[in-house]
C-alpha atoms as a PDB file:
ATOM      1  CA  MET A   1     -22.120   6.960  -7.779  1.00  0.00           C
ATOM      2  CA  GLU A   2     -25.106   8.935  -6.464  1.00  0.00           C
ATOM      3  CA  ILE A   3     -22.882  11.745  -4.886  1.00  0.00           C
ATOM      4  CA  LEU A   4     -20.474  12.077  -7.691  1.00  0.00           C
ATOM      5  CA  SER A   5     -22.754  11.702 -10.775  1.00  0.00           C
ATOM      6  CA  GLU A   6     -25.717  13.735  -9.210  1.00  0.00           C
ATOM      7  CA  ALA A   7     -27.791  11.460 -11.465  1.00  0.00           C
ATOM      8  CA  TYR A   8     -31.509  11.170 -10.777  1.00  0.00           C
ATOM      9  CA  ASN A   9     -31.266   7.309 -10.963  1.00  0.00           C
ATOM     10  CA  ALA A  10     -27.772   6.353  -9.724  1.00  0.00           C
ATOM     11  CA  ARG A  11     -28.476   2.738 -10.172  1.00  0.00           C
ATOM     12  CA  ARG A  12     -29.351   3.216 -13.789  1.00  0.00           C
ATOM     13  CA  TYR A  13     -26.382   5.524 -14.098  1.00  0.00           C
ATOM     14  CA  TRP A  14     -24.036   2.965 -12.779  1.00  0.00           C
ATOM     15  CA  SER A  15     -25.324   0.178 -14.908  1.00  0.00           C
ATOM     16  CA  ASP A  16     -24.891   2.330 -17.984  1.00  0.00           C
ATOM     17  CA  LEU A  17     -21.408   3.349 -16.966  1.00  0.00           C
ATOM     18  CA  LYS A  18     -20.249  -0.270 -16.494  1.00  0.00           C
ATOM     19  CA  ARG A  19     -21.328  -1.047 -20.046  1.00  0.00           C
ATOM     20  CA  LYS A  20     -19.623   2.074 -21.307  1.00  0.00           C
ATOM     21  CA  LEU A  21     -16.389   1.226 -19.512  1.00  0.00           C
ATOM     22  CA  LYS A  22     -16.414  -2.388 -20.824  1.00  0.00           C
ATOM     23  CA  LYS A  23     -16.922  -1.078 -24.241  1.00  0.00           C
ATOM     24  CA  GLU A  24     -13.888   1.302 -23.922  1.00  0.00           C
ATOM     25  CA  GLY A  25     -11.660  -1.589 -23.147  1.00  0.00           C
ATOM     26  CA  PHE A  26     -11.898  -1.884 -19.360  1.00  0.00           C
ATOM     27  CA  ASP A  27     -12.596  -5.798 -19.703  1.00  0.00           C
ATOM     28  CA  GLU A  28     -11.557  -6.823 -16.198  1.00  0.00           C
ATOM     29  CA  LEU A  29     -14.148  -4.494 -14.529  1.00  0.00           C
ATOM     30  CA  TYR A  30     -16.696  -7.081 -13.829  1.00  0.00           C
ATOM     31  CA  GLU A  31     -14.070  -9.385 -12.466  1.00  0.00           C
ATOM     32  CA  LYS A  32     -12.925  -6.707  -9.947  1.00  0.00           C
ATOM     33  CA  ILE A  33     -16.462  -6.042  -8.593  1.00  0.00           C
ATOM     34  CA  VAL A  34     -17.768  -8.130  -5.765  1.00  0.00           C
ATOM     35  CA  GLN A  35     -21.240  -7.791  -4.037  1.00  0.00           C
ATOM     36  CA  LEU A  36     -21.148  -7.191  -0.351  1.00  0.00           C
ATOM     37  CA  LYS A  37     -24.002  -6.696   2.108  1.00  0.00           C
ATOM     38  CA  MET A  38     -24.246  -3.088   3.104  1.00  0.00           C
ATOM     39  CA  GLU A  39     -26.710  -1.075   4.879  1.00  0.00           C
ATOM     40  CA  ALA A  40     -29.316   0.748   2.507  1.00  0.00           C
ATOM     41  CA  LYS A  41     -31.257   3.772   3.098  1.00  0.00           C
ATOM     42  CA  ASP A  42     -34.118   1.698   4.560  1.00  0.00           C
ATOM     43  CA  GLY A  43     -31.718   0.287   7.169  1.00  0.00           C
ATOM     44  CA  LYS A  44     -31.751  -3.252   5.527  1.00  0.00           C
ATOM     45  CA  LEU A  45     -28.764  -4.991   4.351  1.00  0.00           C
ATOM     46  CA  ARG A  46     -28.534  -5.240   0.657  1.00  0.00           C
ATOM     47  CA  GLU A  47     -26.113  -6.698  -1.928  1.00  0.00           C
ATOM     48  CA  THR A  48     -24.015  -3.749  -3.170  1.00  0.00           C
ATOM     49  CA  ASP A  49     -21.395  -3.440  -5.809  1.00  0.00           C
ATOM     50  CA  ALA A  50     -17.867  -3.005  -4.117  1.00  0.00           C
ATOM     51  CA  THR A  51     -14.341  -2.994  -5.499  1.00  0.00           C
ATOM     52  CA  ASP A  52     -10.710  -2.183  -4.616  1.00  0.00           C
ATOM     53  CA  ALA A  53      -9.270   1.430  -4.510  1.00  0.00           C
ATOM     54  CA  THR A  54      -7.532   1.310  -7.833  1.00  0.00           C
ATOM     55  CA  THR A  55     -10.820   0.231  -9.751  1.00  0.00           C
ATOM     56  CA  LEU A  56     -12.757   2.836  -7.776  1.00  0.00           C
ATOM     57  CA  LEU A  57     -10.442   5.556  -8.841  1.00  0.00           C
ATOM     58  CA  ARG A  58     -10.625   4.351 -12.458  1.00  0.00           C
ATOM     59  CA  ILE A  59     -14.367   4.423 -12.286  1.00  0.00           C
ATOM     60  CA  ILE A  60     -14.321   8.038 -10.887  1.00  0.00           C
ATOM     61  CA  GLN A  61     -12.054   9.138 -13.848  1.00  0.00           C
ATOM     62  CA  SER A  62     -14.995   8.126 -16.139  1.00  0.00           C
ATOM     63  CA  ILE A  63     -17.664  10.300 -14.409  1.00  0.00           C
ATOM     64  CA  PRO A  64     -18.166  13.628 -16.244  1.00  0.00           C
ATOM     65  CA  SER A  65     -19.150  15.626 -13.100  1.00  0.00           C
ATOM     66  CA  PRO A  66     -17.905  18.746 -11.250  1.00  0.00           C
ATOM     67  CA  LYS A  67     -17.964  16.739  -8.016  1.00  0.00           C
ATOM     68  CA  ALA A  68     -15.602  14.201  -9.542  1.00  0.00           C
ATOM     69  CA  GLU A  69     -13.161  16.862 -10.765  1.00  0.00           C
ATOM     70  CA  PRO A  70     -11.265  17.137  -7.419  1.00  0.00           C
ATOM     71  CA  PHE A  71     -10.552  13.546  -7.592  1.00  0.00           C
ATOM     72  CA  LYS A  72      -9.328  13.720 -11.205  1.00  0.00           C
ATOM     73  CA  ARG A  73      -7.004  16.589 -10.379  1.00  0.00           C
ATOM     74  CA  TRP A  74      -5.630  14.780  -7.390  1.00  0.00           C
ATOM     75  CA  LEU A  75      -5.008  11.698  -9.616  1.00  0.00           C
ATOM     76  CA  ALA A  76      -3.218  13.808 -12.106  1.00  0.00           C
ATOM     77  CA  GLN A  77      -1.178  15.452  -9.402  1.00  0.00           C
ATOM     78  CA  VAL A  78      -0.040  11.992  -7.913  1.00  0.00           C
ATOM     79  CA  GLY A  79       0.612  10.801 -11.425  1.00  0.00           C
ATOM     80  CA  ASN A  80       2.846  13.650 -12.215  1.00  0.00           C
ATOM     81  CA  GLU A  81       4.679  13.246  -8.823  1.00  0.00           C
ATOM     82  CA  ARG A  82       5.294   9.585  -9.635  1.00  0.00           C
ATOM     83  CA  LEU A  83       6.827  10.502 -12.990  1.00  0.00           C
ATOM     84  CA  GLU A  84       9.033  12.988 -11.156  1.00  0.00           C
ATOM     85  CA  GLU A  85      10.186  10.460  -8.691  1.00  0.00           C
ATOM     86  CA  ILE A  86      10.991   8.011 -11.652  1.00  0.00           C
ATOM     87  CA  GLU A  87      13.387  10.819 -12.930  1.00  0.00           C
ATOM     88  CA  ASN A  88      14.585  11.761  -9.556  1.00  0.00           C
ATOM     89  CA  PRO A  89      14.273   8.953  -6.963  1.00  0.00           C
ATOM     90  CA  GLU A  90      15.356  11.343  -4.155  1.00  0.00           C
ATOM     91  CA  LEU A  91      12.019  13.095  -4.514  1.00  0.00           C
ATOM     92  CA  ALA A  92      10.269   9.900  -3.265  1.00  0.00           C
ATOM     93  CA  THR A  93      12.376  10.020  -0.051  1.00  0.00           C
ATOM     94  CA  GLN A  94      11.504  13.697   0.569  1.00  0.00           C
ATOM     95  CA  ARG A  95       7.847  13.003  -0.021  1.00  0.00           C
ATOM     96  CA  ALA A  96       7.964  10.024   2.447  1.00  0.00           C
ATOM     97  CA  ARG A  97       9.481  12.278   5.064  1.00  0.00           C
ATOM     98  CA  GLU A  98       6.777  14.976   4.482  1.00  0.00           C
ATOM     99  CA  THR A  99       4.036  12.385   4.689  1.00  0.00           C
ATOM    100  CA  TYR A 100       5.313  10.930   8.120  1.00  0.00           C
ATOM    101  CA  LYS A 101       5.692  14.609   9.262  1.00  0.00           C
ATOM    102  CA  MET A 102       2.074  15.420   8.239  1.00  0.00           C
ATOM    103  CA  LYS A 103       0.974  12.333  10.153  1.00  0.00           C
ATOM    104  CA  GLY A 104       2.559  13.676  13.261  1.00  0.00           C
ATOM    105  CA  TYR A 105       5.706  11.692  13.725  1.00  0.00           C
ATOM    106  CA  ARG A 106       8.648  13.188  15.296  1.00  0.00           C
ATOM    107  CA  ASP A 107      11.850  14.088  13.364  1.00  0.00           C
ATOM    108  CA  ASP A 108      14.142  11.547  15.065  1.00  0.00           C
ATOM    109  CA  TRP A 109      11.520   8.713  14.550  1.00  0.00           C
ATOM    110  CA  ILE A 110      11.255   9.680  10.863  1.00  0.00           C
ATOM    111  CA  GLU A 111      15.177   9.452  10.444  1.00  0.00           C
ATOM    112  CA  LYS A 112      15.150   5.909  12.001  1.00  0.00           C
ATOM    113  CA  ARG A 113      12.193   4.868   9.776  1.00  0.00           C
ATOM    114  CA  MET A 114      13.993   6.236   6.606  1.00  0.00           C
ATOM    115  CA  ARG A 115      17.127   4.603   7.651  1.00  0.00           C
ATOM    116  CA  GLY A 116      15.297   1.291   8.216  1.00  0.00           C
ATOM    117  CA  ILE A 117      13.843   1.415   4.676  1.00  0.00           C
ATOM    118  CA  ALA A 118      17.319   1.828   3.346  1.00  0.00           C
ATOM    119  CA  VAL A 119      18.484  -1.105   5.371  1.00  0.00           C
ATOM    120  CA  ARG A 120      15.599  -3.171   4.204  1.00  0.00           C
ATOM    121  CA  ASP A 121      16.424  -2.341   0.568  1.00  0.00           C
ATOM    122  CA  GLU A 122      19.912  -3.403   1.035  1.00  0.00           C
ATOM    123  CA  LEU A 123      18.684  -6.790   2.420  1.00  0.00           C
ATOM    124  CA  THR A 124      16.301  -7.350  -0.295  1.00  0.00           C
ATOM    125  CA  ASP A 125      18.789  -6.503  -2.931  1.00  0.00           C
ATOM    126  CA  GLU A 126      21.144  -9.186  -1.451  1.00  0.00           C
ATOM    127  CA  TRP A 127      18.400 -11.732  -1.550  1.00  0.00           C
ATOM    128  CA  LYS A 128      17.726 -10.834  -5.070  1.00  0.00           C
ATOM    129  CA  LYS A 129      21.210 -11.483  -5.956  1.00  0.00           C
ATOM    130  CA  ARG A 130      20.715 -14.987  -4.361  1.00  0.00           C
ATOM    131  CA  GLY A 131      17.890 -15.821  -6.556  1.00  0.00           C
ATOM    132  CA  VAL A 132      14.884 -15.054  -4.192  1.00  0.00           C
ATOM    133  CA  LYS A 133      12.062 -14.039  -6.509  1.00  0.00           C
ATOM    134  CA  GLU A 134       8.805 -14.927  -5.063  1.00  0.00           C
ATOM    135  CA  GLN A 135       6.954 -12.582  -2.491  1.00  0.00           C
ATOM    136  CA  LYS A 136       6.247 -15.710  -0.446  1.00  0.00           C
ATOM    137  CA  ASP A 137      10.093 -16.420  -0.102  1.00  0.00           C
ATOM    138  CA  TYR A 138      10.500 -12.796   1.216  1.00  0.00           C
ATOM    139  CA  SER A 139       7.727 -13.254   3.724  1.00  0.00           C
ATOM    140  CA  ILE A 140       9.444 -16.495   5.117  1.00  0.00           C
ATOM    141  CA  LEU A 141      12.785 -14.897   5.314  1.00  0.00           C
ATOM    142  CA  THR A 142      11.351 -11.743   6.987  1.00  0.00           C
ATOM    143  CA  ALA A 143       9.368 -13.961   9.354  1.00  0.00           C
ATOM    144  CA  GLU A 144      12.590 -15.694  10.453  1.00  0.00           C
ATOM    145  CA  ILE A 145      14.412 -12.445  11.190  1.00  0.00           C
ATOM    146  CA  SER A 146      11.412 -11.069  13.082  1.00  0.00           C
ATOM    147  CA  ARG A 147      11.149 -14.290  15.202  1.00  0.00           C
ATOM    148  CA  ALA A 148      14.812 -14.152  15.977  1.00  0.00           C
ATOM    149  CA  THR A 149      14.658 -10.422  16.844  1.00  0.00           C
ATOM    150  CA  PHE A 150      11.174 -10.178  18.769  1.00  0.00           C
ATOM    151  CA  GLY A 151      10.245 -13.836  19.314  1.00  0.00           C
ATOM    152  CA  MET A 152       7.146 -13.497  16.930  1.00  0.00           C
ATOM    153  CA  THR A 153       6.573 -13.215  13.114  1.00  0.00           C
ATOM    154  CA  PRO A 154       5.223  -9.990  11.696  1.00  0.00           C
ATOM    155  CA  SER A 155       1.679 -11.311  11.392  1.00  0.00           C
ATOM    156  CA  GLU A 156       1.804 -12.214  15.187  1.00  0.00           C
ATOM    157  CA  TYR A 157       3.340  -8.934  15.926  1.00  0.00           C
ATOM    158  CA  LYS A 158       0.599  -7.050  14.204  1.00  0.00           C
ATOM    159  CA  LYS A 159      -1.951  -8.951  16.304  1.00  0.00           C
ATOM    160  CA  TYR A 160       0.144  -8.019  19.452  1.00  0.00           C
ATOM    161  CA  LYS A 161      -0.072  -4.340  18.472  1.00  0.00           C
ATOM    162  CA  GLU A 162      -3.806  -4.710  17.547  1.00  0.00           C
ATOM    163  CA  LEU A 163      -3.197  -3.883  13.800  1.00  0.00           C
ATOM    164  CA  TYR A 164      -6.035  -5.628  12.009  1.00  0.00           C
ATOM    165  CA  ARG A 165      -6.497  -3.642   8.882  1.00  0.00           C
ATOM    166  CA  PRO A 166      -4.374  -5.029   5.840  1.00  0.00           C
ATOM    167  CA  ILE A 167      -3.109  -1.533   5.182  1.00  0.00           C
ATOM    168  CA  ASP A 168      -1.600  -1.170   8.613  1.00  0.00           C
ATOM    169  CA  ASN A 169       2.061  -1.027   8.194  1.00  0.00           C
ATOM    170  CA  LEU A 170       3.752  -2.816  11.231  1.00  0.00           C
ATOM    171  CA  ARG A 171       7.097  -0.584  11.069  1.00  0.00           C
ATOM    172  CA  ASP A 172       4.918   2.658  11.036  1.00  0.00           C
ATOM    173  CA  HIS A 173       3.709   1.559  14.497  1.00  0.00           C
ATOM    174  CA  MET A 174       7.070   0.632  15.953  1.00  0.00           C
ATOM    175  CA  THR A 175       8.758   2.561  18.690  1.00  0.00           C
ATOM    176  CA  ASP A 176      12.223   3.971  18.161  1.00  0.00           C
ATOM    177  CA  LEU A 177      13.816   0.838  19.834  1.00  0.00           C
ATOM    178  CA  GLU A 178      11.833  -1.512  17.922  1.00  0.00           C
ATOM    179  CA  LEU A 179      12.842   0.309  14.691  1.00  0.00           C
ATOM    180  CA  ILE A 180      16.543   0.064  15.689  1.00  0.00           C
ATOM    181  CA  PHE A 181      16.189  -3.594  16.740  1.00  0.00           C
ATOM    182  CA  THR A 182      14.582  -4.298  13.215  1.00  0.00           C
ATOM    183  CA  MET A 183      17.435  -2.453  11.418  1.00  0.00           C
ATOM    184  CA  LEU A 184      20.005  -4.501  13.421  1.00  0.00           C
ATOM    185  CA  GLY A 185      18.366  -7.759  12.571  1.00  0.00           C
ATOM    186  CA  GLU A 186      18.130  -6.974   8.873  1.00  0.00           C
ATOM    187  CA  ALA A 187      21.704  -5.443   8.652  1.00  0.00           C
ATOM    188  CA  SER A 188      23.158  -8.382  10.427  1.00  0.00           C
ATOM    189  CA  THR A 189      21.493 -10.848   8.186  1.00  0.00           C
ATOM    190  CA  THR A 190      22.778  -8.836   5.050  1.00  0.00           C
ATOM    191  CA  GLU A 191      26.342  -8.831   6.504  1.00  0.00           C
ATOM    192  CA  ILE A 192      26.154 -12.581   7.206  1.00  0.00           C
ATOM    193  CA  SER A 193      24.862 -13.469   3.806  1.00  0.00           C
ATOM    194  CA  ARG A 194      27.701 -11.448   2.195  1.00  0.00           C
ATOM    195  CA  ARG A 195      30.537 -13.066   4.558  1.00  0.00           C
ATOM    196  CA  ARG A 196      29.244 -16.528   3.664  1.00  0.00           C
ATOM    197  CA  ASP A 197      29.145 -15.718  -0.103  1.00  0.00           C
ATOM    198  CA  ALA A 198      32.770 -14.546   0.295  1.00  0.00           C
ATOM    199  CA  VAL A 199      33.718 -17.701   1.992  1.00  0.00           C
ATOM    200  CA  LEU A 200      32.189 -19.876  -0.625  1.00  0.00           C
END
């Protein structure tokens, strides 16, 4: 808040902004803010307002400051790209490839990863047809495939690979062979599901 608003009293500015956002209809703002102990300028740990990325970006949109403007332009660009992807879903695939490329992944790995996404989508579509709706059910089914393929659940696999952040995507940290085995497990599950349904 201090950096983006350039306010003399950032604490007061934040307090006023919270009231303004609530008045403008952002009713859930206070529910989304938690207090965490963070190191202050004096080196002591003090209770500090914290929130998730979505809420933080919404707050940034409300700050009338030149320093907040780059964030606002980026949000507008991302929003426009998302609208384009709704009109033309192929753009989402192209952007995913470009993002992996920028992160330094090899072209052959990217192709396997993109194919793996398509195989996973096919499997989840099959599960949807069979009435799977809850995220918990998808997680249970995915854990069973992973256990059969690698001998461990995705959460155990993440620990094995030392991926501790919630945003770490296990598949983005897989080798070529791991991606191939994952695809094989999910494609086989899709095929078995279809054959059993045909027999019924």
